[in-house]
C-alpha atoms as a PDB file:
ATOM      1  CA  UNK A   1       9.710 -23.325 -11.963  1.00  0.00           C
ATOM      2  CA  UNK A   2       6.562 -21.689 -13.343  1.00  0.00           C
ATOM      3  CA  UNK A   3       3.820 -20.389 -11.053  1.00  0.00           C
ATOM      4  CA  UNK A   4       0.182 -20.264 -11.900  1.00  0.00           C
ATOM      5  CA  UNK A   5      -2.897 -18.701 -10.218  1.00  0.00           C
ATOM      6  CA  UNK A   6      -6.545 -18.010 -11.059  1.00  0.00           C
ATOM      7  CA  UNK A   7      -8.384 -14.775 -10.836  1.00  0.00           C
ATOM      8  CA  UNK A   8     -10.241 -15.640  -7.618  1.00  0.00           C
ATOM      9  CA  UNK A   9      -7.065 -14.650  -5.726  1.00  0.00           C
ATOM     10  CA  UNK A  10      -8.065 -10.959  -6.102  1.00  0.00           C
ATOM     11  CA  UNK A  11      -4.535  -9.697  -6.707  1.00  0.00           C
ATOM     12  CA  UNK A  12      -4.362  -6.758  -9.035  1.00  0.00           C
ATOM     13  CA  UNK A  13      -3.644  -7.165 -12.836  1.00  0.00           C
ATOM     14  CA  UNK A  14      -0.314  -5.805 -12.522  1.00  0.00           C
ATOM     15  CA  UNK A  15       0.848  -8.535 -10.063  1.00  0.00           C
ATOM     16  CA  UNK A  16       0.881 -11.315 -12.664  1.00  0.00           C
ATOM     17  CA  UNK A  17       3.356  -9.760 -15.177  1.00  0.00           C
ATOM     18  CA  UNK A  18       5.393  -8.209 -12.479  1.00  0.00           C
ATOM     19  CA  UNK A  19       6.021 -11.629 -10.703  1.00  0.00           C
ATOM     20  CA  UNK A  20       5.950 -13.910 -13.651  1.00  0.00           C
ATOM     21  CA  UNK A  21       2.719 -15.660 -12.470  1.00  0.00           C
ATOM     22  CA  UNK A  22       0.585 -17.032 -15.301  1.00  0.00           C
ATOM     23  CA  UNK A  23      -3.085 -16.210 -14.844  1.00  0.00           C
ATOM     24  CA  UNK A  24      -6.019 -18.475 -15.377  1.00  0.00           C
ATOM     25  CA  UNK A  25      -9.086 -16.128 -15.568  1.00  0.00           C
ATOM     26  CA  UNK A  26     -12.543 -17.332 -14.510  1.00  0.00           C
ATOM     27  CA  UNK A  27     -15.292 -16.098 -16.586  1.00  0.00           C
ATOM     28  CA  UNK A  28     -18.044 -13.495 -15.781  1.00  0.00           C
ATOM     29  CA  UNK A  29     -21.315 -13.377 -17.517  1.00  0.00           C
ATOM     30  CA  UNK A  30     -23.440 -10.112 -17.520  1.00  0.00           C
ATOM     31  CA  UNK A  31     -26.501 -10.296 -19.675  1.00  0.00           C
ATOM     32  CA  UNK A  32     -25.514 -11.989 -23.042  1.00  0.00           C
ATOM     33  CA  UNK A  33     -21.934 -11.014 -22.670  1.00  0.00           C
ATOM     34  CA  UNK A  34     -19.040 -13.230 -21.377  1.00  0.00           C
ATOM     35  CA  UNK A  35     -15.765 -11.765 -20.135  1.00  0.00           C
ATOM     36  CA  UNK A  36     -12.508 -13.171 -18.951  1.00  0.00           C
ATOM     37  CA  UNK A  37     -12.045 -11.935 -15.515  1.00  0.00           C
ATOM     38  CA  UNK A  38      -9.155  -9.348 -14.944  1.00  0.00           C
ATOM     39  CA  UNK A  39      -8.310  -9.583 -18.715  1.00  0.00           C
ATOM     40  CA  UNK A  40     -11.636  -8.634 -20.259  1.00  0.00           C
ATOM     41  CA  UNK A  41     -13.357  -6.947 -17.331  1.00  0.00           C
ATOM     42  CA  UNK A  42     -12.253  -5.390 -14.100  1.00  0.00           C
ATOM     43  CA  UNK A  43     -14.251  -5.475 -10.922  1.00  0.00           C
ATOM     44  CA  UNK A  44     -15.098  -1.851 -10.855  1.00  0.00           C
ATOM     45  CA  UNK A  45     -17.124  -2.369 -14.022  1.00  0.00           C
ATOM     46  CA  UNK A  46     -18.814  -5.343 -12.386  1.00  0.00           C
ATOM     47  CA  UNK A  47     -19.834  -3.201  -9.346  1.00  0.00           C
ATOM     48  CA  UNK A  48     -21.227  -0.498 -11.630  1.00  0.00           C
ATOM     49  CA  UNK A  49     -23.375  -3.143 -13.549  1.00  0.00           C
ATOM     50  CA  UNK A  50     -24.550  -4.583 -10.119  1.00  0.00           C
ATOM     51  CA  UNK A  51     -25.563  -1.079  -8.934  1.00  0.00           C
ATOM     52  CA  UNK A  52     -27.548  -0.709 -12.272  1.00  0.00           C
ATOM     53  CA  UNK A  53     -29.461  -3.852 -11.466  1.00  0.00           C
ATOM     54  CA  UNK A  54     -27.435  -6.517 -13.267  1.00  0.00           C
ATOM     55  CA  UNK A  55     -27.050 -10.017 -11.772  1.00  0.00           C
ATOM     56  CA  UNK A  56     -23.666 -11.233 -12.972  1.00  0.00           C
ATOM     57  CA  UNK A  57     -22.981 -14.969 -13.140  1.00  0.00           C
ATOM     58  CA  UNK A  58     -19.625 -16.634 -13.030  1.00  0.00           C
ATOM     59  CA  UNK A  59     -18.084 -19.800 -14.482  1.00  0.00           C
ATOM     60  CA  UNK A  60     -14.898 -21.731 -13.980  1.00  0.00           C
ATOM     61  CA  UNK A  61     -11.653 -21.090 -15.970  1.00  0.00           C
ATOM     62  CA  UNK A  62     -11.448 -22.408 -19.513  1.00  0.00           C
ATOM     63  CA  UNK A  63     -10.458 -26.133 -19.812  1.00  0.00           C
ATOM     64  CA  UNK A  64      -8.948 -25.338 -23.121  1.00  0.00           C
ATOM     65  CA  UNK A  65      -6.746 -22.786 -21.566  1.00  0.00           C
ATOM     66  CA  UNK A  66      -5.527 -25.287 -19.027  1.00  0.00           C
ATOM     67  CA  UNK A  67      -4.868 -27.885 -21.591  1.00  0.00           C
ATOM     68  CA  UNK A  68      -2.868 -25.440 -23.738  1.00  0.00           C
ATOM     69  CA  UNK A  69      -0.719 -24.041 -20.909  1.00  0.00           C
ATOM     70  CA  UNK A  70      -0.053 -27.418 -19.277  1.00  0.00           C
ATOM     71  CA  UNK A  71       1.070 -28.888 -22.689  1.00  0.00           C
ATOM     72  CA  UNK A  72       3.424 -25.919 -23.107  1.00  0.00           C
ATOM     73  CA  UNK A  73       4.771 -26.621 -19.588  1.00  0.00           C
ATOM     74  CA  UNK A  74       5.259 -30.291 -20.368  1.00  0.00           C
ATOM     75  CA  UNK A  75       7.152 -29.427 -23.576  1.00  0.00           C
ATOM     76  CA  UNK A  76       9.434 -27.035 -21.701  1.00  0.00           C
ATOM     77  CA  UNK A  77      10.489 -29.617 -19.284  1.00  0.00           C
ATOM     78  CA  UNK A  78      10.038 -27.117 -16.366  1.00  0.00           C
ATOM     79  CA  UNK A  79       8.305 -27.722 -13.054  1.00  0.00           C
ATOM     80  CA  UNK A  80       5.043 -25.985 -12.346  1.00  0.00           C
ATOM     81  CA  UNK A  81       3.012 -24.995  -9.281  1.00  0.00           C
ATOM     82  CA  UNK A  82      -0.744 -23.967  -9.562  1.00  0.00           C
ATOM     83  CA  UNK A  83      -2.301 -22.734  -6.304  1.00  0.00           C
ATOM     84  CA  UNK A  84      -6.030 -22.869  -7.131  1.00  0.00           C
ATOM     85  CA  UNK A  85      -9.212 -21.395  -5.777  1.00  0.00           C
ATOM     86  CA  UNK A  86     -11.256 -23.459  -3.317  1.00  0.00           C
ATOM     87  CA  UNK A  87     -12.791 -26.603  -4.901  1.00  0.00           C
ATOM     88  CA  UNK A  88     -15.919 -26.084  -2.697  1.00  0.00           C
ATOM     89  CA  UNK A  89     -16.576 -22.756  -4.396  1.00  0.00           C
ATOM     90  CA  UNK A  90     -15.644 -23.506  -8.084  1.00  0.00           C
ATOM     91  CA  UNK A  91     -15.089 -26.341 -10.508  1.00  0.00           C
ATOM     92  CA  UNK A  92     -11.852 -24.626 -11.557  1.00  0.00           C
ATOM     93  CA  UNK A  93      -9.534 -26.821  -9.445  1.00  0.00           C
ATOM     94  CA  UNK A  94     -11.242 -30.127 -10.562  1.00  0.00           C
ATOM     95  CA  UNK A  95     -11.054 -29.179 -14.187  1.00  0.00           C
ATOM     96  CA  UNK A  96      -7.340 -28.191 -13.867  1.00  0.00           C
ATOM     97  CA  UNK A  97      -6.554 -31.717 -12.276  1.00  0.00           C
ATOM     98  CA  UNK A  98      -8.539 -33.424 -15.199  1.00  0.00           C
ATOM     99  CA  UNK A  99      -6.587 -31.464 -17.877  1.00  0.00           C
ATOM    100  CA  UNK A 100      -3.268 -32.299 -16.157  1.00  0.00           C
ATOM    101  CA  UNK A 101      -4.264 -36.103 -16.369  1.00  0.00           C
ATOM    102  CA  UNK A 102      -5.076 -35.520 -20.039  1.00  0.00           C
ATOM    103  CA  UNK A 103      -1.750 -33.908 -20.851  1.00  0.00           C
ATOM    104  CA  UNK A 104       0.126 -36.676 -18.968  1.00  0.00           C
ATOM    105  CA  UNK A 105      -1.335 -39.227 -21.267  1.00  0.00           C
ATOM    106  CA  UNK A 106       0.939 -37.747 -23.906  1.00  0.00           C
ATOM    107  CA  UNK A 107       3.570 -36.260 -21.685  1.00  0.00           C
ATOM    108  CA  UNK A 108       3.881 -38.648 -18.743  1.00  0.00           C
ATOM    109  CA  UNK A 109       6.961 -36.713 -17.373  1.00  0.00           C
ATOM    110  CA  UNK A 110       4.909 -33.542 -16.701  1.00  0.00           C
ATOM    111  CA  UNK A 111       5.972 -32.015 -13.376  1.00  0.00           C
ATOM    112  CA  UNK A 112       2.971 -29.959 -12.223  1.00  0.00           C
ATOM    113  CA  UNK A 113       1.599 -29.703  -8.629  1.00  0.00           C
ATOM    114  CA  UNK A 114      -1.925 -28.345  -8.148  1.00  0.00           C
ATOM    115  CA  UNK A 115      -2.976 -27.328  -4.758  1.00  0.00           C
ATOM    116  CA  UNK A 116      -6.591 -27.002  -3.699  1.00  0.00           C
ATOM    117  CA  UNK A 117      -6.089 -23.898  -1.524  1.00  0.00           C
ATOM    118  CA  UNK A 118      -9.655 -24.175   0.056  1.00  0.00           C
ATOM    119  CA  UNK A 119      -9.278 -20.356   0.212  1.00  0.00           C
ATOM    120  CA  UNK A 120     -10.795 -17.383  -1.535  1.00  0.00           C
ATOM    121  CA  UNK A 121     -10.167 -13.814  -2.367  1.00  0.00           C
ATOM    122  CA  UNK A 122      -6.999 -12.433  -0.557  1.00  0.00           C
ATOM    123  CA  UNK A 123      -6.851 -15.541   1.643  1.00  0.00           C
ATOM    124  CA  UNK A 124      -5.894 -17.252  -1.537  1.00  0.00           C
ATOM    125  CA  UNK A 125      -3.943 -14.266  -2.727  1.00  0.00           C
ATOM    126  CA  UNK A 126      -1.662 -14.273   0.228  1.00  0.00           C
ATOM    127  CA  UNK A 127      -0.765 -17.880  -0.622  1.00  0.00           C
ATOM    128  CA  UNK A 128       0.046 -16.825  -4.285  1.00  0.00           C
ATOM    129  CA  UNK A 129       2.250 -14.041  -2.973  1.00  0.00           C
ATOM    130  CA  UNK A 130       3.977 -16.444  -0.658  1.00  0.00           C
ATOM    131  CA  UNK A 131       4.722 -18.913  -3.515  1.00  0.00           C
ATOM    132  CA  UNK A 132       6.342 -16.032  -5.359  1.00  0.00           C
ATOM    133  CA  UNK A 133       8.539 -15.203  -2.215  1.00  0.00           C
ATOM    134  CA  UNK A 134       9.346 -18.806  -1.712  1.00  0.00           C
ATOM    135  CA  UNK A 135      10.447 -19.288  -5.344  1.00  0.00           C
ATOM    136  CA  UNK A 136      12.589 -16.219  -5.174  1.00  0.00           C
ATOM    137  CA  UNK A 137      14.354 -17.734  -2.178  1.00  0.00           C
ATOM    138  CA  UNK A 138      15.308 -20.608  -4.514  1.00  0.00           C
ATOM    139  CA  UNK A 139      13.448 -23.328  -2.579  1.00  0.00           C
ATOM    140  CA  UNK A 140      12.512 -26.543  -4.299  1.00  0.00           C
ATOM    141  CA  UNK A 141       8.989 -27.399  -5.517  1.00  0.00           C
ATOM    142  CA  UNK A 142       8.434 -29.946  -2.670  1.00  0.00           C
ATOM    143  CA  UNK A 143       9.470 -27.431   0.028  1.00  0.00           C
ATOM    144  CA  UNK A 144       7.331 -24.604  -1.370  1.00  0.00           C
ATOM    145  CA  UNK A 145       4.355 -27.093  -1.713  1.00  0.00           C
ATOM    146  CA  UNK A 146       4.628 -28.128   1.923  1.00  0.00           C
ATOM    147  CA  UNK A 147       4.799 -24.449   3.139  1.00  0.00           C
ATOM    148  CA  UNK A 148       1.819 -23.358   0.905  1.00  0.00           C
ATOM    149  CA  UNK A 149      -0.354 -26.325   2.059  1.00  0.00           C
ATOM    150  CA  UNK A 150       0.468 -25.455   5.762  1.00  0.00           C
ATOM    151  CA  UNK A 151      -0.500 -21.761   5.191  1.00  0.00           C
ATOM    152  CA  UNK A 152      -3.660 -22.723   3.319  1.00  0.00           C
ATOM    153  CA  UNK A 153      -4.786 -24.964   6.215  1.00  0.00           C
ATOM    154  CA  UNK A 154      -4.260 -22.182   8.719  1.00  0.00           C
ATOM    155  CA  UNK A 155      -5.593 -19.148   6.640  1.00  0.00           C
ATOM    156  CA  UNK A 156      -8.451 -17.388   8.419  1.00  0.00           C
ATOM    157  CA  UNK A 157     -11.216 -15.617   6.335  1.00  0.00           C
ATOM    158  CA  UNK A 158     -13.517 -13.278   8.217  1.00  0.00           C
ATOM    159  CA  UNK A 159     -16.037 -11.386   6.185  1.00  0.00           C
ATOM    160  CA  UNK A 160     -19.299  -9.544   6.220  1.00  0.00           C
ATOM    161  CA  UNK A 161     -21.675  -8.320   3.437  1.00  0.00           C
ATOM    162  CA  UNK A 162     -23.591  -5.020   3.158  1.00  0.00           C
ATOM    163  CA  UNK A 163     -26.682  -6.688   1.452  1.00  0.00           C
ATOM    164  CA  UNK A 164     -27.750 -10.296   2.244  1.00  0.00           C
ATOM    165  CA  UNK A 165     -29.601 -10.476  -1.090  1.00  0.00           C
ATOM    166  CA  UNK A 166     -26.482 -11.314  -2.998  1.00  0.00           C
ATOM    167  CA  UNK A 167     -25.704 -14.248  -0.719  1.00  0.00           C
ATOM    168  CA  UNK A 168     -29.322 -15.332  -1.063  1.00  0.00           C
ATOM    169  CA  UNK A 169     -29.111 -15.390  -4.860  1.00  0.00           C
ATOM    170  CA  UNK A 170     -26.166 -17.681  -4.643  1.00  0.00           C
ATOM    171  CA  UNK A 171     -27.935 -19.900  -2.140  1.00  0.00           C
ATOM    172  CA  UNK A 172     -25.640 -18.969   0.692  1.00  0.00           C
ATOM    173  CA  UNK A 173     -28.587 -17.773   2.976  1.00  0.00           C
ATOM    174  CA  UNK A 174     -32.303 -18.257   2.492  1.00  0.00           C
ATOM    175  CA  UNK A 175     -34.255 -15.467   0.887  1.00  0.00           C
ATOM    176  CA  UNK A 176     -36.428 -15.163   4.005  1.00  0.00           C
ATOM    177  CA  UNK A 177     -33.375 -14.653   6.129  1.00  0.00           C
ATOM    178  CA  UNK A 178     -32.113 -12.114   3.670  1.00  0.00           C
ATOM    179  CA  UNK A 179     -35.410 -10.255   3.803  1.00  0.00           C
ATOM    180  CA  UNK A 180     -35.598 -10.185   7.510  1.00  0.00           C
ATOM    181  CA  UNK A 181     -31.896  -9.246   7.754  1.00  0.00           C
ATOM    182  CA  UNK A 182     -32.353  -6.283   5.581  1.00  0.00           C
ATOM    183  CA  UNK A 183     -35.348  -5.017   7.652  1.00  0.00           C
ATOM    184  CA  UNK A 184     -33.426  -5.458  10.927  1.00  0.00           C
ATOM    185  CA  UNK A 185     -29.978  -4.239   9.611  1.00  0.00           C
ATOM    186  CA  UNK A 186     -28.563  -7.578  10.468  1.00  0.00           C
ATOM    187  CA  UNK A 187     -25.002  -8.127   9.232  1.00  0.00           C
ATOM    188  CA  UNK A 188     -23.709 -11.596   9.159  1.00  0.00           C
ATOM    189  CA  UNK A 189     -20.103 -12.474  10.161  1.00  0.00           C
ATOM    190  CA  UNK A 190     -18.898 -15.370   8.079  1.00  0.00           C
ATOM    191  CA  UNK A 191     -15.777 -17.464   7.714  1.00  0.00           C
ATOM    192  CA  UNK A 192     -14.444 -20.203   5.567  1.00  0.00           C
ATOM    193  CA  UNK A 193     -14.443 -23.860   6.717  1.00  0.00           C
ATOM    194  CA  UNK A 194     -13.055 -26.633   4.395  1.00  0.00           C
ATOM    195  CA  UNK A 195     -13.269 -24.142   1.623  1.00  0.00           C
ATOM    196  CA  UNK A 196     -17.002 -23.358   2.160  1.00  0.00           C
ATOM    197  CA  UNK A 197     -18.561 -20.124   3.349  1.00  0.00           C
ATOM    198  CA  UNK A 198     -20.050 -20.589   6.779  1.00  0.00           C
ATOM    199  CA  UNK A 199     -21.962 -18.032   8.957  1.00  0.00           C
ATOM    200  CA  UNK A 200     -20.550 -17.563  12.444  1.00  0.00           C
ATOM    201  CA  UNK A 201     -22.849 -14.923  13.941  1.00  0.00           C
ATOM    202  CA  UNK A 202     -25.570 -12.405  12.983  1.00  0.00           C
ATOM    203  CA  UNK A 203     -24.845  -8.902  14.380  1.00  0.00           C
ATOM    204  CA  UNK A 204     -26.930  -5.803  14.174  1.00  0.00           C
ATOM    205  CA  UNK A 205     -25.330  -2.894  12.443  1.00  0.00           C
ATOM    206  CA  UNK A 206     -22.088  -2.563  10.452  1.00  0.00           C
ATOM    207  CA  UNK A 207     -19.951  -0.854  13.176  1.00  0.00           C
ATOM    208  CA  UNK A 208     -20.658  -3.709  15.542  1.00  0.00           C
ATOM    209  CA  UNK A 209     -19.785  -6.354  12.972  1.00  0.00           C
ATOM    210  CA  UNK A 210     -16.397  -4.654  12.196  1.00  0.00           C
ATOM    211  CA  UNK A 211     -15.660  -4.439  15.920  1.00  0.00           C
ATOM    212  CA  UNK A 212     -16.444  -8.032  16.153  1.00  0.00           C
ATOM    213  CA  UNK A 213     -14.098  -8.927  13.330  1.00  0.00           C
ATOM    214  CA  UNK A 214     -11.284  -7.434  15.312  1.00  0.00           C
ATOM    215  CA  UNK A 215     -12.251  -9.467  18.468  1.00  0.00           C
ATOM    216  CA  UNK A 216     -12.318 -12.717  16.471  1.00  0.00           C
ATOM    217  CA  UNK A 217      -9.023 -11.829  14.871  1.00  0.00           C
ATOM    218  CA  UNK A 218      -7.432 -11.393  18.326  1.00  0.00           C
ATOM    219  CA  UNK A 219      -8.954 -14.751  19.487  1.00  0.00           C
ATOM    220  CA  UNK A 220      -7.770 -16.716  16.411  1.00  0.00           C
ATOM    221  CA  UNK A 221      -4.685 -14.985  15.142  1.00  0.00           C
ATOM    222  CA  UNK A 222      -1.124 -16.073  16.262  1.00  0.00           C
ATOM    223  CA  UNK A 223       1.663 -13.594  16.368  1.00  0.00           C
ATOM    224  CA  UNK A 224      -0.156 -11.009  14.340  1.00  0.00           C
ATOM    225  CA  UNK A 225       2.743  -8.567  14.563  1.00  0.00           C
ATOM    226  CA  UNK A 226       4.931 -11.006  12.467  1.00  0.00           C
ATOM    227  CA  UNK A 227       2.273 -11.384   9.688  1.00  0.00           C
ATOM    228  CA  UNK A 228       1.209  -9.741   6.478  1.00  0.00           C
ATOM    229  CA  UNK A 229      -2.543  -9.283   6.911  1.00  0.00           C
ATOM    230  CA  UNK A 230      -4.865  -8.589   3.919  1.00  0.00           C
ATOM    231  CA  UNK A 231      -8.192  -6.755   3.589  1.00  0.00           C
ATOM    232  CA  UNK A 232     -10.429  -6.973   0.497  1.00  0.00           C
ATOM    233  CA  UNK A 233     -13.442  -4.827  -0.068  1.00  0.00           C
ATOM    234  CA  UNK A 234     -16.477  -4.464  -2.352  1.00  0.00           C
ATOM    235  CA  UNK A 235     -15.776  -1.051  -3.614  1.00  0.00           C
ATOM    236  CA  UNK A 236     -15.799   0.541  -0.208  1.00  0.00           C
ATOM    237  CA  UNK A 237     -12.172   1.692   0.319  1.00  0.00           C
ATOM    238  CA  UNK A 238     -13.166   4.093   3.113  1.00  0.00           C
ATOM    239  CA  UNK A 239     -14.278   1.307   5.452  1.00  0.00           C
ATOM    240  CA  UNK A 240     -11.369  -0.987   4.451  1.00  0.00           C
ATOM    241  CA  UNK A 241      -8.996   1.874   5.499  1.00  0.00           C
ATOM    242  CA  UNK A 242     -10.785   2.393   8.765  1.00  0.00           C
ATOM    243  CA  UNK A 243     -10.453  -1.442   9.479  1.00  0.00           C
ATOM    244  CA  UNK A 244      -6.778  -1.198   8.567  1.00  0.00           C
ATOM    245  CA  UNK A 245      -6.215   1.651  11.055  1.00  0.00           C
ATOM    246  CA  UNK A 246      -8.024  -0.353  13.891  1.00  0.00           C
ATOM    247  CA  UNK A 247      -5.757  -3.424  13.117  1.00  0.00           C
ATOM    248  CA  UNK A 248      -2.551  -1.377  13.044  1.00  0.00           C
ATOM    249  CA  UNK A 249      -3.412   0.251  16.388  1.00  0.00           C
ATOM    250  CA  UNK A 250      -4.214  -3.069  17.919  1.00  0.00           C
ATOM    251  CA  UNK A 251      -1.863  -5.636  16.407  1.00  0.00           C
ATOM    252  CA  UNK A 252       0.821  -3.671  14.509  1.00  0.00           C
ATOM    253  CA  UNK A 253       1.346  -6.451  11.733  1.00  0.00           C
ATOM    254  CA  UNK A 254       4.288  -6.410   9.437  1.00  0.00           C
ATOM    255  CA  UNK A 255       2.119  -5.172   6.536  1.00  0.00           C
ATOM    256  CA  UNK A 256      -1.583  -4.738   5.741  1.00  0.00           C
ATOM    257  CA  UNK A 257      -2.557  -5.117   2.065  1.00  0.00           C
ATOM    258  CA  UNK A 258      -5.789  -3.707   0.683  1.00  0.00           C
ATOM    259  CA  UNK A 259      -7.249  -4.704  -2.670  1.00  0.00           C
ATOM    260  CA  UNK A 260     -10.714  -4.625  -4.336  1.00  0.00           C
ATOM    261  CA  UNK A 261     -12.606  -7.936  -4.253  1.00  0.00           C
ATOM    262  CA  UNK A 262     -12.371  -9.268  -7.750  1.00  0.00           C
ATOM    263  CA  UNK A 263     -15.210  -9.790 -10.283  1.00  0.00           C
ATOM    264  CA  UNK A 264     -15.754 -13.546  -9.557  1.00  0.00           C
ATOM    265  CA  UNK A 265     -16.426 -13.050  -5.829  1.00  0.00           C
ATOM    266  CA  UNK A 266     -18.108  -9.580  -6.293  1.00  0.00           C
ATOM    267  CA  UNK A 267     -20.783 -11.288  -8.393  1.00  0.00           C
ATOM    268  CA  UNK A 268     -21.768 -13.383  -5.326  1.00  0.00           C
ATOM    269  CA  UNK A 269     -21.165 -10.994  -2.443  1.00  0.00           C
ATOM    270  CA  UNK A 270     -22.061  -7.508  -3.921  1.00  0.00           C
ATOM    271  CA  UNK A 271     -20.848  -4.036  -3.126  1.00  0.00           C
ATOM    272  CA  UNK A 272     -19.972  -3.141   0.446  1.00  0.00           C
ATOM    273  CA  UNK A 273     -18.523  -6.585   1.347  1.00  0.00           C
ATOM    274  CA  UNK A 274     -15.480  -6.328   3.749  1.00  0.00           C
ATOM    275  CA  UNK A 275     -13.123  -9.261   4.291  1.00  0.00           C
ATOM    276  CA  UNK A 276     -10.033  -9.906   6.526  1.00  0.00           C
ATOM    277  CA  UNK A 277      -7.399 -12.606   6.086  1.00  0.00           C
ATOM    278  CA  UNK A 278      -4.594 -13.633   8.486  1.00  0.00           C
ATOM    279  CA  UNK A 279      -3.037 -16.908   9.809  1.00  0.00           C
ATOM    280  CA  UNK A 280      -4.014 -18.683  12.989  1.00  0.00           C
ATOM    281  CA  UNK A 281      -0.636 -20.498  13.089  1.00  0.00           C
ATOM    282  CA  UNK A 282       2.735 -19.459  11.668  1.00  0.00           C
ATOM    283  CA  UNK A 283       4.819 -22.566  11.965  1.00  0.00           C
END
């Protein structure tokens, strides 16, 4: 069985080769230049460009790449599983489905499952890691699909941004709200509903919003001591480590993974973003 993921899962570059997961890079545009996320540019470079005043744009993974890889899979006769970035945030999932249909016109026996995770960043990344673990256990494709769909449905995303302007540029909040929020030091607490970013609360000050993240985690999380929890950050490792310590002291999870938010999501949320991922139901 072959596993596929796209770069919006925010796992480090080394993960893909190490665990034999084929990467579909989304694309990042800075000025006149186009880069393949992870392969052609890393998120540290994107944060540097943003701080210099650049406004990166992103686009979905290449249809030609999907076509080539899916044809190779069809010819190999192997099964494949692609857990994809939320269809509400990118056209990548829809394009992959379209390319699968195209390949099946020539290779009707193609065995490829594509899951719309409705997740982003490490909420999505945890699912990719889980698919690797389940494959290593020797489970069949249908069982892995069922387990991944269950976790995708129960994955919580809690996050806040340092600067509302980045969300305003992407149409996530109004420009007026971003301006007033900046003046008043308002920090939004957001989550993901049906794959879309949705504000929950507006809180004054970064320390208070982080404290509130822990409270919401306690309200929503189930058996947190049995979970792998993930934190992603917009080039602010110090705050991510402080959040990790708070979570360890309160919930003592099995493990807490911390990674940098990747280029695709960084382009829309900016430096200083802090995100937290865990399950609200284990089984």
